[in-house]
Every structure is written in C-alpha cells, then in structure tokens.
mmCIF file of all heavy atoms, coordinates in Angstrom:
data_MODEL
# 
_entry.id   MODEL 
# 
loop_
_atom_site.group_PDB 
_atom_site.id 
_atom_site.type_symbol 
_atom_site.label_atom_id 
_atom_site.label_alt_id 
_atom_site.label_comp_id 
_atom_site.label_asym_id 
_atom_site.label_entity_id 
_atom_site.label_seq_id 
_atom_site.pdbx_PDB_ins_code 
_atom_site.Cartn_x 
_atom_site.Cartn_y 
_atom_site.Cartn_z 
_atom_site.occupancy 
_atom_site.B_iso_or_equiv 
_atom_site.pdbx_formal_charge 
_atom_site.auth_seq_id 
_atom_site.auth_comp_id 
_atom_site.auth_asym_id 
_atom_site.auth_atom_id 
_atom_site.pdbx_PDB_model_num 
ATOM 1   N N   . TYR A 1 1  ? 97.768  120.390 87.556  1.00 0.00 ? 1  TYR A N   1 
ATOM 2   C CA  . TYR A 1 1  ? 96.427  120.942 87.339  1.00 0.00 ? 1  TYR A CA  1 
ATOM 3   C C   . TYR A 1 1  ? 96.505  121.912 86.174  1.00 0.00 ? 1  TYR A C   1 
ATOM 4   O O   . TYR A 1 1  ? 97.540  122.549 85.949  1.00 0.00 ? 1  TYR A O   1 
ATOM 5   C CB  . TYR A 1 1  ? 95.897  121.697 88.566  1.00 0.00 ? 1  TYR A CB  1 
ATOM 6   C CG  . TYR A 1 1  ? 95.678  120.847 89.781  1.00 0.00 ? 1  TYR A CG  1 
ATOM 7   C CD1 . TYR A 1 1  ? 96.406  121.082 90.933  1.00 0.00 ? 1  TYR A CD1 1 
ATOM 8   C CD2 . TYR A 1 1  ? 94.748  119.815 89.792  1.00 0.00 ? 1  TYR A CD2 1 
ATOM 9   C CE1 . TYR A 1 1  ? 96.230  120.308 92.068  1.00 0.00 ? 1  TYR A CE1 1 
ATOM 10  C CE2 . TYR A 1 1  ? 94.569  119.029 90.923  1.00 0.00 ? 1  TYR A CE2 1 
ATOM 11  C CZ  . TYR A 1 1  ? 95.303  119.289 92.051  1.00 0.00 ? 1  TYR A CZ  1 
ATOM 12  O OH  . TYR A 1 1  ? 95.135  118.515 93.167  1.00 0.00 ? 1  TYR A OH  1 
ATOM 13  N N   . ASP A 1 2  ? 95.392  122.056 85.483  1.00 0.00 ? 2  ASP A N   1 
ATOM 14  C CA  . ASP A 1 2  ? 95.365  122.929 84.311  1.00 0.00 ? 2  ASP A CA  1 
ATOM 15  C C   . ASP A 1 2  ? 95.488  124.410 84.647  1.00 0.00 ? 2  ASP A C   1 
ATOM 16  O O   . ASP A 1 2  ? 96.018  125.173 83.856  1.00 0.00 ? 2  ASP A O   1 
ATOM 17  C CB  . ASP A 1 2  ? 94.073  122.724 83.522  1.00 0.00 ? 2  ASP A CB  1 
ATOM 18  C CG  . ASP A 1 2  ? 94.026  121.347 82.869  1.00 0.00 ? 2  ASP A CG  1 
ATOM 19  O OD1 . ASP A 1 2  ? 95.101  120.773 82.612  1.00 0.00 ? 2  ASP A OD1 1 
ATOM 20  O OD2 . ASP A 1 2  ? 92.915  120.853 82.622  1.00 0.00 ? 2  ASP A OD2 1 
ATOM 21  N N   . ALA A 1 3  ? 94.974  124.837 85.800  1.00 0.00 ? 3  ALA A N   1 
ATOM 22  C CA  . ALA A 1 3  ? 94.971  126.270 86.110  1.00 0.00 ? 3  ALA A CA  1 
ATOM 23  C C   . ALA A 1 3  ? 95.212  126.514 87.600  1.00 0.00 ? 3  ALA A C   1 
ATOM 24  O O   . ALA A 1 3  ? 94.685  125.803 88.449  1.00 0.00 ? 3  ALA A O   1 
ATOM 25  C CB  . ALA A 1 3  ? 93.642  126.889 85.708  1.00 0.00 ? 3  ALA A CB  1 
ATOM 26  N N   . ASN A 1 4  ? 96.012  127.541 87.884  1.00 0.00 ? 4  ASN A N   1 
ATOM 27  C CA  . ASN A 1 4  ? 96.329  127.912 89.266  1.00 0.00 ? 4  ASN A CA  1 
ATOM 28  C C   . ASN A 1 4  ? 95.331  128.970 89.750  1.00 0.00 ? 4  ASN A C   1 
ATOM 29  O O   . ASN A 1 4  ? 95.674  130.114 90.019  1.00 0.00 ? 4  ASN A O   1 
ATOM 30  C CB  . ASN A 1 4  ? 97.763  128.444 89.343  1.00 0.00 ? 4  ASN A CB  1 
ATOM 31  C CG  . ASN A 1 4  ? 98.216  128.627 90.772  1.00 0.00 ? 4  ASN A CG  1 
ATOM 32  O OD1 . ASN A 1 4  ? 97.688  128.006 91.685  1.00 0.00 ? 4  ASN A OD1 1 
ATOM 33  N ND2 . ASN A 1 4  ? 99.193  129.483 90.982  1.00 0.00 ? 4  ASN A ND2 1 
ATOM 34  N N   . ASN A 1 5  ? 94.083  128.567 89.832  1.00 0.00 ? 5  ASN A N   1 
ATOM 35  C CA  . ASN A 1 5  ? 93.027  129.495 90.216  1.00 0.00 ? 5  ASN A CA  1 
ATOM 36  C C   . ASN A 1 5  ? 93.059  129.803 91.705  1.00 0.00 ? 5  ASN A C   1 
ATOM 37  O O   . ASN A 1 5  ? 93.554  129.025 92.509  1.00 0.00 ? 5  ASN A O   1 
ATOM 38  C CB  . ASN A 1 5  ? 91.668  128.916 89.823  1.00 0.00 ? 5  ASN A CB  1 
ATOM 39  C CG  . ASN A 1 5  ? 91.544  128.758 88.322  1.00 0.00 ? 5  ASN A CG  1 
ATOM 40  O OD1 . ASN A 1 5  ? 92.140  129.505 87.564  1.00 0.00 ? 5  ASN A OD1 1 
ATOM 41  N ND2 . ASN A 1 5  ? 90.779  127.778 87.885  1.00 0.00 ? 5  ASN A ND2 1 
ATOM 42  N N   . ALA A 1 6  ? 92.510  130.958 92.050  1.00 0.00 ? 6  ALA A N   1 
ATOM 43  C CA  . ALA A 1 6  ? 92.459  131.392 93.449  1.00 0.00 ? 6  ALA A CA  1 
ATOM 44  C C   . ALA A 1 6  ? 91.136  130.979 94.077  1.00 0.00 ? 6  ALA A C   1 
ATOM 45  O O   . ALA A 1 6  ? 90.122  130.807 93.395  1.00 0.00 ? 6  ALA A O   1 
ATOM 46  C CB  . ALA A 1 6  ? 92.614  132.906 93.531  1.00 0.00 ? 6  ALA A CB  1 
ATOM 47  N N   . ARG A 1 7  ? 91.156  130.847 95.385  1.00 0.00 ? 7  ARG A N   1 
ATOM 48  C CA  . ARG A 1 7  ? 89.961  130.586 96.194  1.00 0.00 ? 7  ARG A CA  1 
ATOM 49  C C   . ARG A 1 7  ? 90.016  131.526 97.392  1.00 0.00 ? 7  ARG A C   1 
ATOM 50  O O   . ARG A 1 7  ? 91.090  131.954 97.806  1.00 0.00 ? 7  ARG A O   1 
ATOM 51  C CB  . ARG A 1 7  ? 89.923  129.143 96.691  1.00 0.00 ? 7  ARG A CB  1 
ATOM 52  C CG  . ARG A 1 7  ? 89.846  128.112 95.583  1.00 0.00 ? 7  ARG A CG  1 
ATOM 53  C CD  . ARG A 1 7  ? 89.884  126.709 96.172  1.00 0.00 ? 7  ARG A CD  1 
ATOM 54  N NE  . ARG A 1 7  ? 89.990  125.710 95.141  1.00 0.00 ? 7  ARG A NE  1 
ATOM 55  C CZ  . ARG A 1 7  ? 89.117  124.729 94.983  1.00 0.00 ? 7  ARG A CZ  1 
ATOM 56  N NH1 . ARG A 1 7  ? 88.084  124.604 95.783  1.00 0.00 ? 7  ARG A NH1 1 
ATOM 57  N NH2 . ARG A 1 7  ? 89.292  123.847 94.015  1.00 0.00 ? 7  ARG A NH2 1 
ATOM 58  N N   . THR A 1 8  ? 88.869  131.797 97.976  1.00 0.00 ? 8  THR A N   1 
ATOM 59  C CA  . THR A 1 8  ? 88.831  132.631 99.168  1.00 0.00 ? 8  THR A CA  1 
ATOM 60  C C   . THR A 1 8  ? 87.639  132.248 100.035 1.00 0.00 ? 8  THR A C   1 
ATOM 61  O O   . THR A 1 8  ? 86.628  131.773 99.539  1.00 0.00 ? 8  THR A O   1 
ATOM 62  C CB  . THR A 1 8  ? 88.771  134.134 98.816  1.00 0.00 ? 8  THR A CB  1 
ATOM 63  O OG1 . THR A 1 8  ? 88.845  134.891 100.024 1.00 0.00 ? 8  THR A OG1 1 
ATOM 64  C CG2 . THR A 1 8  ? 87.501  134.497 98.070  1.00 0.00 ? 8  THR A CG2 1 
ATOM 65  N N   . ASP A 1 9  ? 87.795  132.500 101.328 1.00 0.00 ? 9  ASP A N   1 
ATOM 66  C CA  . ASP A 1 9  ? 86.673  132.338 102.260 1.00 0.00 ? 9  ASP A CA  1 
ATOM 67  C C   . ASP A 1 9  ? 86.155  133.712 102.684 1.00 0.00 ? 9  ASP A C   1 
ATOM 68  O O   . ASP A 1 9  ? 85.339  133.820 103.583 1.00 0.00 ? 9  ASP A O   1 
ATOM 69  C CB  . ASP A 1 9  ? 87.077  131.508 103.482 1.00 0.00 ? 9  ASP A CB  1 
ATOM 70  C CG  . ASP A 1 9  ? 88.155  132.164 104.332 1.00 0.00 ? 9  ASP A CG  1 
ATOM 71  O OD1 . ASP A 1 9  ? 88.619  133.274 103.995 1.00 0.00 ? 9  ASP A OD1 1 
ATOM 72  O OD2 . ASP A 1 9  ? 88.544  131.565 105.347 1.00 0.00 ? 9  ASP A OD2 1 
ATOM 73  N N   . GLY A 1 10 ? 86.658  134.765 102.056 1.00 0.00 ? 10 GLY A N   1 
ATOM 74  C CA  . GLY A 1 10 ? 86.271  136.136 102.394 1.00 0.00 ? 10 GLY A CA  1 
ATOM 75  C C   . GLY A 1 10 ? 87.272  136.804 103.313 1.00 0.00 ? 10 GLY A C   1 
ATOM 76  O O   . GLY A 1 10 ? 87.287  138.030 103.426 1.00 0.00 ? 10 GLY A O   1 
ATOM 77  N N   . VAL A 1 11 ? 88.107  136.030 103.978 1.00 0.00 ? 11 VAL A N   1 
ATOM 78  C CA  . VAL A 1 11 ? 89.142  136.575 104.865 1.00 0.00 ? 11 VAL A CA  1 
ATOM 79  C C   . VAL A 1 11 ? 90.516  136.220 104.308 1.00 0.00 ? 11 VAL A C   1 
ATOM 80  O O   . VAL A 1 11 ? 91.388  137.067 104.190 1.00 0.00 ? 11 VAL A O   1 
ATOM 81  C CB  . VAL A 1 11 ? 88.985  136.035 106.308 1.00 0.00 ? 11 VAL A CB  1 
ATOM 82  C CG1 . VAL A 1 11 ? 90.126  136.512 107.197 1.00 0.00 ? 11 VAL A CG1 1 
ATOM 83  C CG2 . VAL A 1 11 ? 87.643  136.444 106.879 1.00 0.00 ? 11 VAL A CG2 1 
ATOM 84  N N   . TYR A 1 12 ? 90.703  134.947 103.970 1.00 0.00 ? 12 TYR A N   1 
ATOM 85  C CA  . TYR A 1 12 ? 91.967  134.464 103.431 1.00 0.00 ? 12 TYR A CA  1 
ATOM 86  C C   . TYR A 1 12 ? 91.805  134.149 101.947 1.00 0.00 ? 12 TYR A C   1 
ATOM 87  O O   . TYR A 1 12 ? 90.710  133.838 101.480 1.00 0.00 ? 12 TYR A O   1 
ATOM 88  C CB  . TYR A 1 12 ? 92.427  133.194 104.157 1.00 0.00 ? 12 TYR A CB  1 
ATOM 89  C CG  . TYR A 1 12 ? 92.996  133.474 105.522 1.00 0.00 ? 12 TYR A CG  1 
ATOM 90  C CD1 . TYR A 1 12 ? 92.179  133.499 106.645 1.00 0.00 ? 12 TYR A CD1 1 
ATOM 91  C CD2 . TYR A 1 12 ? 94.347  133.727 105.688 1.00 0.00 ? 12 TYR A CD2 1 
ATOM 92  C CE1 . TYR A 1 12 ? 92.701  133.769 107.900 1.00 0.00 ? 12 TYR A CE1 1 
ATOM 93  C CE2 . TYR A 1 12 ? 94.882  133.988 106.942 1.00 0.00 ? 12 TYR A CE2 1 
ATOM 94  C CZ  . TYR A 1 12 ? 94.053  134.017 108.034 1.00 0.00 ? 12 TYR A CZ  1 
ATOM 95  O OH  . TYR A 1 12 ? 94.575  134.285 109.270 1.00 0.00 ? 12 TYR A OH  1 
ATOM 96  N N   . GLN A 1 13 ? 92.909  134.225 101.241 1.00 0.00 ? 13 GLN A N   1 
ATOM 97  C CA  . GLN A 1 13 ? 92.932  133.848 99.834  1.00 0.00 ? 13 GLN A CA  1 
ATOM 98  C C   . GLN A 1 13 ? 94.079  132.869 99.616  1.00 0.00 ? 13 GLN A C   1 
ATOM 99  O O   . GLN A 1 13 ? 95.127  133.005 100.248 1.00 0.00 ? 13 GLN A O   1 
ATOM 100 C CB  . GLN A 1 13 ? 93.138  135.071 98.956  1.00 0.00 ? 13 GLN A CB  1 
ATOM 101 C CG  . GLN A 1 13 ? 93.123  134.750 97.480  1.00 0.00 ? 13 GLN A CG  1 
ATOM 102 C CD  . GLN A 1 13 ? 93.167  136.002 96.633  1.00 0.00 ? 13 GLN A CD  1 
ATOM 103 O OE1 . GLN A 1 13 ? 92.473  136.965 96.904  1.00 0.00 ? 13 GLN A OE1 1 
ATOM 104 N NE2 . GLN A 1 13 ? 93.985  135.987 95.605  1.00 0.00 ? 13 GLN A NE2 1 
ATOM 105 N N   . TRP A 1 14 ? 93.873  131.888 98.744  1.00 0.00 ? 14 TRP A N   1 
ATOM 106 C CA  . TRP A 1 14 ? 94.904  130.908 98.445  1.00 0.00 ? 14 TRP A CA  1 
ATOM 107 C C   . TRP A 1 14 ? 94.733  130.428 97.016  1.00 0.00 ? 14 TRP A C   1 
ATOM 108 O O   . TRP A 1 14 ? 93.748  130.731 96.355  1.00 0.00 ? 14 TRP A O   1 
ATOM 109 C CB  . TRP A 1 14 ? 94.853  129.736 99.424  1.00 0.00 ? 14 TRP A CB  1 
ATOM 110 C CG  . TRP A 1 14 ? 93.526  129.035 99.477  1.00 0.00 ? 14 TRP A CG  1 
ATOM 111 C CD1 . TRP A 1 14 ? 93.132  127.954 98.728  1.00 0.00 ? 14 TRP A CD1 1 
ATOM 112 C CD2 . TRP A 1 14 ? 92.420  129.366 100.304 1.00 0.00 ? 14 TRP A CD2 1 
ATOM 113 N NE1 . TRP A 1 14 ? 91.846  127.598 99.052  1.00 0.00 ? 14 TRP A NE1 1 
ATOM 114 C CE2 . TRP A 1 14 ? 91.383  128.456 100.023 1.00 0.00 ? 14 TRP A CE2 1 
ATOM 115 C CE3 . TRP A 1 14 ? 92.197  130.342 101.268 1.00 0.00 ? 14 TRP A CE3 1 
ATOM 116 C CZ2 . TRP A 1 14 ? 90.149  128.492 100.660 1.00 0.00 ? 14 TRP A CZ2 1 
ATOM 117 C CZ3 . TRP A 1 14 ? 90.964  130.380 101.902 1.00 0.00 ? 14 TRP A CZ3 1 
ATOM 118 C CH2 . TRP A 1 14 ? 89.965  129.455 101.594 1.00 0.00 ? 14 TRP A CH2 1 
ATOM 119 N N   . TYR A 1 15 ? 95.728  129.693 96.550  1.00 0.00 ? 15 TYR A N   1 
ATOM 120 C CA  . TYR A 1 15 ? 95.762  129.224 95.169  1.00 0.00 ? 15 TYR A CA  1 
ATOM 121 C C   . TYR A 1 15 ? 95.874  127.709 95.123  1.00 0.00 ? 15 TYR A C   1 
ATOM 122 O O   . TYR A 1 15 ? 96.298  127.073 96.084  1.00 0.00 ? 15 TYR A O   1 
ATOM 123 C CB  . TYR A 1 15 ? 96.963  129.853 94.440  1.00 0.00 ? 15 TYR A CB  1 
ATOM 124 C CG  . TYR A 1 15 ? 96.798  131.345 94.288  1.00 0.00 ? 15 TYR A CG  1 
ATOM 125 C CD1 . TYR A 1 15 ? 97.198  132.201 95.307  1.00 0.00 ? 15 TYR A CD1 1 
ATOM 126 C CD2 . TYR A 1 15 ? 96.211  131.886 93.158  1.00 0.00 ? 15 TYR A CD2 1 
ATOM 127 C CE1 . TYR A 1 15 ? 97.023  133.575 95.195  1.00 0.00 ? 15 TYR A CE1 1 
ATOM 128 C CE2 . TYR A 1 15 ? 96.036  133.262 93.032  1.00 0.00 ? 15 TYR A CE2 1 
ATOM 129 C CZ  . TYR A 1 15 ? 96.439  134.095 94.052  1.00 0.00 ? 15 TYR A CZ  1 
ATOM 130 O OH  . TYR A 1 15 ? 96.251  135.440 93.944  1.00 0.00 ? 15 TYR A OH  1 
ATOM 131 N N   . GLU A 1 16 ? 95.504  127.163 93.972  1.00 0.00 ? 16 GLU A N   1 
ATOM 132 C CA  . GLU A 1 16 ? 95.570  125.708 93.782  1.00 0.00 ? 16 GLU A CA  1 
ATOM 133 C C   . GLU A 1 16 ? 96.971  125.173 94.052  1.00 0.00 ? 16 GLU A C   1 
ATOM 134 O O   . GLU A 1 16 ? 97.125  124.084 94.588  1.00 0.00 ? 16 GLU A O   1 
ATOM 135 C CB  . GLU A 1 16 ? 95.132  125.333 92.365  1.00 0.00 ? 16 GLU A CB  1 
ATOM 136 C CG  . GLU A 1 16 ? 93.678  125.638 92.057  1.00 0.00 ? 16 GLU A CG  1 
ATOM 137 C CD  . GLU A 1 16 ? 92.697  124.897 92.934  1.00 0.00 ? 16 GLU A CD  1 
ATOM 138 O OE1 . GLU A 1 16 ? 92.935  123.717 93.270  1.00 0.00 ? 16 GLU A OE1 1 
ATOM 139 O OE2 . GLU A 1 16 ? 91.677  125.496 93.294  1.00 0.00 ? 16 GLU A OE2 1 
ATOM 140 N N   . THR A 1 17 ? 97.995  125.928 93.693  1.00 0.00 ? 17 THR A N   1 
ATOM 141 C CA  . THR A 1 17 ? 99.368  125.470 93.926  1.00 0.00 ? 17 THR A CA  1 
ATOM 142 C C   . THR A 1 17 ? 99.645  125.273 95.421  1.00 0.00 ? 17 THR A C   1 
ATOM 143 O O   . THR A 1 17 ? 100.348 124.353 95.806  1.00 0.00 ? 17 THR A O   1 
ATOM 144 C CB  . THR A 1 17 ? 100.403 126.431 93.278  1.00 0.00 ? 17 THR A CB  1 
ATOM 145 O OG1 . THR A 1 17 ? 101.675 125.800 93.334  1.00 0.00 ? 17 THR A OG1 1 
ATOM 146 C CG2 . THR A 1 17 ? 100.467 127.766 93.966  1.00 0.00 ? 17 THR A CG2 1 
ATOM 147 N N   . GLU A 1 18 ? 99.068  126.117 96.258  1.00 0.00 ? 18 GLU A N   1 
ATOM 148 C CA  . GLU A 1 18 ? 99.259  125.967 97.704  1.00 0.00 ? 18 GLU A CA  1 
ATOM 149 C C   . GLU A 1 18 ? 98.510  124.741 98.228  1.00 0.00 ? 18 GLU A C   1 
ATOM 150 O O   . GLU A 1 18 ? 99.029  124.016 99.081  1.00 0.00 ? 18 GLU A O   1 
ATOM 151 C CB  . GLU A 1 18 ? 98.829  127.240 98.423  1.00 0.00 ? 18 GLU A CB  1 
ATOM 152 C CG  . GLU A 1 18 ? 99.754  128.384 98.098  1.00 0.00 ? 18 GLU A CG  1 
ATOM 153 C CD  . GLU A 1 18 ? 99.179  129.755 98.366  1.00 0.00 ? 18 GLU A CD  1 
ATOM 154 O OE1 . GLU A 1 18 ? 97.942  129.913 98.444  1.00 0.00 ? 18 GLU A OE1 1 
ATOM 155 O OE2 . GLU A 1 18 ? 99.977  130.674 98.489  1.00 0.00 ? 18 GLU A OE2 1 
ATOM 156 N N   . ILE A 1 19 ? 97.321  124.507 97.706  1.00 0.00 ? 19 ILE A N   1 
ATOM 157 C CA  . ILE A 1 19 ? 96.576  123.304 98.101  1.00 0.00 ? 19 ILE A CA  1 
ATOM 158 C C   . ILE A 1 19 ? 97.379  122.055 97.714  1.00 0.00 ? 19 ILE A C   1 
ATOM 159 O O   . ILE A 1 19 ? 97.560  121.148 98.523  1.00 0.00 ? 19 ILE A O   1 
ATOM 160 C CB  . ILE A 1 19 ? 95.181  123.263 97.441  1.00 0.00 ? 19 ILE A CB  1 
ATOM 161 C CG1 . ILE A 1 19 ? 94.309  124.419 97.930  1.00 0.00 ? 19 ILE A CG1 1 
ATOM 162 C CG2 . ILE A 1 19 ? 94.506  121.915 97.711  1.00 0.00 ? 19 ILE A CG2 1 
ATOM 163 C CD1 . ILE A 1 19 ? 92.993  124.547 97.177  1.00 0.00 ? 19 ILE A CD1 1 
ATOM 164 N N   . TYR A 1 20 ? 97.848  122.043 96.484  1.00 0.00 ? 20 TYR A N   1 
ATOM 165 C CA  . TYR A 1 20 ? 98.598  120.884 95.998  1.00 0.00 ? 20 TYR A CA  1 
ATOM 166 C C   . TYR A 1 20 ? 99.845  120.629 96.846  1.00 0.00 ? 20 TYR A C   1 
ATOM 167 O O   . TYR A 1 20 ? 100.077 119.504 97.300  1.00 0.00 ? 20 TYR A O   1 
ATOM 168 C CB  . TYR A 1 20 ? 99.000  121.086 94.529  1.00 0.00 ? 20 TYR A CB  1 
ATOM 169 C CG  . TYR A 1 20 ? 99.960  120.028 94.045  1.00 0.00 ? 20 TYR A CG  1 
ATOM 170 C CD1 . TYR A 1 20 ? 99.503  118.756 93.704  1.00 0.00 ? 20 TYR A CD1 1 
ATOM 171 C CD2 . TYR A 1 20 ? 101.325 120.281 93.974  1.00 0.00 ? 20 TYR A CD2 1 
ATOM 172 C CE1 . TYR A 1 20 ? 100.389 117.774 93.295  1.00 0.00 ? 20 TYR A CE1 1 
ATOM 173 C CE2 . TYR A 1 20 ? 102.223 119.302 93.563  1.00 0.00 ? 20 TYR A CE2 1 
ATOM 174 C CZ  . TYR A 1 20 ? 101.742 118.047 93.224  1.00 0.00 ? 20 TYR A CZ  1 
ATOM 175 O OH  . TYR A 1 20 ? 102.619 117.070 92.831  1.00 0.00 ? 20 TYR A OH  1 
ATOM 176 N N   . HIS A 1 21 ? 100.656 121.660 97.070  1.00 0.00 ? 21 HIS A N   1 
ATOM 177 C CA  . HIS A 1 21 ? 101.912 121.479 97.808  1.00 0.00 ? 21 HIS A CA  1 
ATOM 178 C C   . HIS A 1 21 ? 101.673 121.215 99.298  1.00 0.00 ? 21 HIS A C   1 
ATOM 179 O O   . HIS A 1 21 ? 102.455 120.514 99.937  1.00 0.00 ? 21 HIS A O   1 
ATOM 180 C CB  . HIS A 1 21 ? 102.852 122.668 97.574  1.00 0.00 ? 21 HIS A CB  1 
ATOM 181 C CG  . HIS A 1 21 ? 103.436 122.658 96.201  1.00 0.00 ? 21 HIS A CG  1 
ATOM 182 N ND1 . HIS A 1 21 ? 102.810 123.252 95.130  1.00 0.00 ? 21 HIS A ND1 1 
ATOM 183 C CD2 . HIS A 1 21 ? 104.566 122.091 95.716  1.00 0.00 ? 21 HIS A CD2 1 
ATOM 184 C CE1 . HIS A 1 21 ? 103.546 123.055 94.039  1.00 0.00 ? 21 HIS A CE1 1 
ATOM 185 N NE2 . HIS A 1 21 ? 104.613 122.349 94.371  1.00 0.00 ? 21 HIS A NE2 1 
ATOM 186 N N   . PHE A 1 22 ? 100.590 121.739 99.858  1.00 0.00 ? 22 PHE A N   1 
ATOM 187 C CA  . PHE A 1 22 ? 100.223 121.418 101.236 1.00 0.00 ? 22 PHE A CA  1 
ATOM 188 C C   . PHE A 1 22 ? 99.853  119.934 101.329 1.00 0.00 ? 22 PHE A C   1 
ATOM 189 O O   . PHE A 1 22 ? 100.309 119.232 102.226 1.00 0.00 ? 22 PHE A O   1 
ATOM 190 C CB  . PHE A 1 22 ? 99.064  122.298 101.704 1.00 0.00 ? 22 PHE A CB  1 
ATOM 191 C CG  . PHE A 1 22 ? 98.536  121.935 103.060 1.00 0.00 ? 22 PHE A CG  1 
ATOM 192 C CD1 . PHE A 1 22 ? 99.302  122.153 104.197 1.00 0.00 ? 22 PHE A CD1 1 
ATOM 193 C CD2 . PHE A 1 22 ? 97.279  121.380 103.207 1.00 0.00 ? 22 PHE A CD2 1 
ATOM 194 C CE1 . PHE A 1 22 ? 98.820  121.814 105.464 1.00 0.00 ? 22 PHE A CE1 1 
ATOM 195 C CE2 . PHE A 1 22 ? 96.788  121.054 104.460 1.00 0.00 ? 22 PHE A CE2 1 
ATOM 196 C CZ  . PHE A 1 22 ? 97.558  121.264 105.586 1.00 0.00 ? 22 PHE A CZ  1 
ATOM 197 N N   . ASP A 1 23 ? 99.058  119.475 100.386 1.00 0.00 ? 23 ASP A N   1 
ATOM 198 C CA  . ASP A 1 23 ? 98.611  118.091 100.394 1.00 0.00 ? 23 ASP A CA  1 
ATOM 199 C C   . ASP A 1 23 ? 99.779  117.121 100.158 1.00 0.00 ? 23 ASP A C   1 
ATOM 200 O O   . ASP A 1 23 ? 99.976  116.180 100.918 1.00 0.00 ? 23 ASP A O   1 
ATOM 201 C CB  . ASP A 1 23 ? 97.535  117.891 99.322  1.00 0.00 ? 23 ASP A CB  1 
ATOM 202 C CG  . ASP A 1 23 ? 96.897  116.517 99.367  1.00 0.00 ? 23 ASP A CG  1 
ATOM 203 O OD1 . ASP A 1 23 ? 96.958  115.843 100.410 1.00 0.00 ? 23 ASP A OD1 1 
ATOM 204 O OD2 . ASP A 1 23 ? 96.304  116.132 98.335  1.00 0.00 ? 23 ASP A OD2 1 
ATOM 205 N N   . LYS A 1 24 ? 100.583 117.378 99.146  1.00 0.00 ? 24 LYS A N   1 
ATOM 206 C CA  . LYS A 1 24 ? 101.639 116.437 98.766  1.00 0.00 ? 24 LYS A CA  1 
ATOM 207 C C   . LYS A 1 24 ? 102.898 116.552 99.623  1.00 0.00 ? 24 LYS A C   1 
ATOM 208 O O   . LYS A 1 24 ? 103.508 115.539 99.964  1.00 0.00 ? 24 LYS A O   1 
ATOM 209 C CB  . LYS A 1 24 ? 102.002 116.631 97.303  1.00 0.00 ? 24 LYS A CB  1 
ATOM 210 C CG  . LYS A 1 24 ? 103.068 115.653 96.857  1.00 0.00 ? 24 LYS A CG  1 
ATOM 211 C CD  . LYS A 1 24 ? 103.016 115.359 95.407  1.00 0.00 ? 24 LYS A CD  1 
ATOM 212 C CE  . LYS A 1 24 ? 104.063 114.297 95.110  1.00 0.00 ? 24 LYS A CE  1 
ATOM 213 N NZ  . LYS A 1 24 ? 103.902 113.683 93.865  1.00 0.00 ? 24 LYS A NZ  1 
ATOM 214 N N   . TYR A 1 25 ? 103.294 117.787 99.972  1.00 0.00 ? 25 TYR A N   1 
ATOM 215 C CA  . TYR A 1 25 ? 104.587 117.990 100.631 1.00 0.00 ? 25 TYR A CA  1 
ATOM 216 C C   . TYR A 1 25 ? 104.491 118.642 102.018 1.00 0.00 ? 25 TYR A C   1 
ATOM 217 O O   . TYR A 1 25 ? 105.499 119.058 102.565 1.00 0.00 ? 25 TYR A O   1 
ATOM 218 C CB  . TYR A 1 25 ? 105.484 118.874 99.756  1.00 0.00 ? 25 TYR A CB  1 
ATOM 219 C CG  . TYR A 1 25 ? 105.816 118.264 98.421  1.00 0.00 ? 25 TYR A CG  1 
ATOM 220 C CD1 . TYR A 1 25 ? 105.268 118.781 97.255  1.00 0.00 ? 25 TYR A CD1 1 
ATOM 221 C CD2 . TYR A 1 25 ? 106.679 117.175 98.324  1.00 0.00 ? 25 TYR A CD2 1 
ATOM 222 C CE1 . TYR A 1 25 ? 105.578 118.244 96.019  1.00 0.00 ? 25 TYR A CE1 1 
ATOM 223 C CE2 . TYR A 1 25 ? 106.992 116.622 97.087  1.00 0.00 ? 25 TYR A CE2 1 
ATOM 224 C CZ  . TYR A 1 25 ? 106.441 117.165 95.940  1.00 0.00 ? 25 TYR A CZ  1 
ATOM 225 O OH  . TYR A 1 25 ? 106.747 116.624 94.717  1.00 0.00 ? 25 TYR A OH  1 
ATOM 226 N N   . ASN A 1 26 ? 103.298 118.745 102.565 1.00 0.00 ? 26 ASN A N   1 
ATOM 227 C CA  . ASN A 1 26 ? 103.112 119.378 103.874 1.00 0.00 ? 26 ASN A CA  1 
ATOM 228 C C   . ASN A 1 26 ? 103.679 120.801 103.903 1.00 0.00 ? 26 ASN A C   1 
ATOM 229 O O   . ASN A 1 26 ? 104.402 121.181 104.826 1.00 0.00 ? 26 ASN A O   1 
ATOM 230 C CB  . ASN A 1 26 ? 103.738 118.540 104.995 1.00 0.00 ? 26 ASN A CB  1 
ATOM 231 C CG  . ASN A 1 26 ? 103.082 117.191 105.114 1.00 0.00 ? 26 ASN A CG  1 
ATOM 232 O OD1 . ASN A 1 26 ? 101.865 117.086 105.164 1.00 0.00 ? 26 ASN A OD1 1 
ATOM 233 N ND2 . ASN A 1 26 ? 103.876 116.142 105.125 1.00 0.00 ? 26 ASN A ND2 1 
# 
C-alpha cells in the first residue's frame, strides 16, 4: 500500500499495516 495511515473507531486505533498482516498472515 502507498501509505500506512491510521484508522480509529474512537476507542481503538490501528494502522493499514495491521489490517494487511491480519488479513494475509492472521
């Protein structure tokens, strides 16, 4: 991905790298 941007639901925060590695490598 071009950028490791952050996301939040207001309680938790995460980054694109965590989404990617969760999806691909559990």
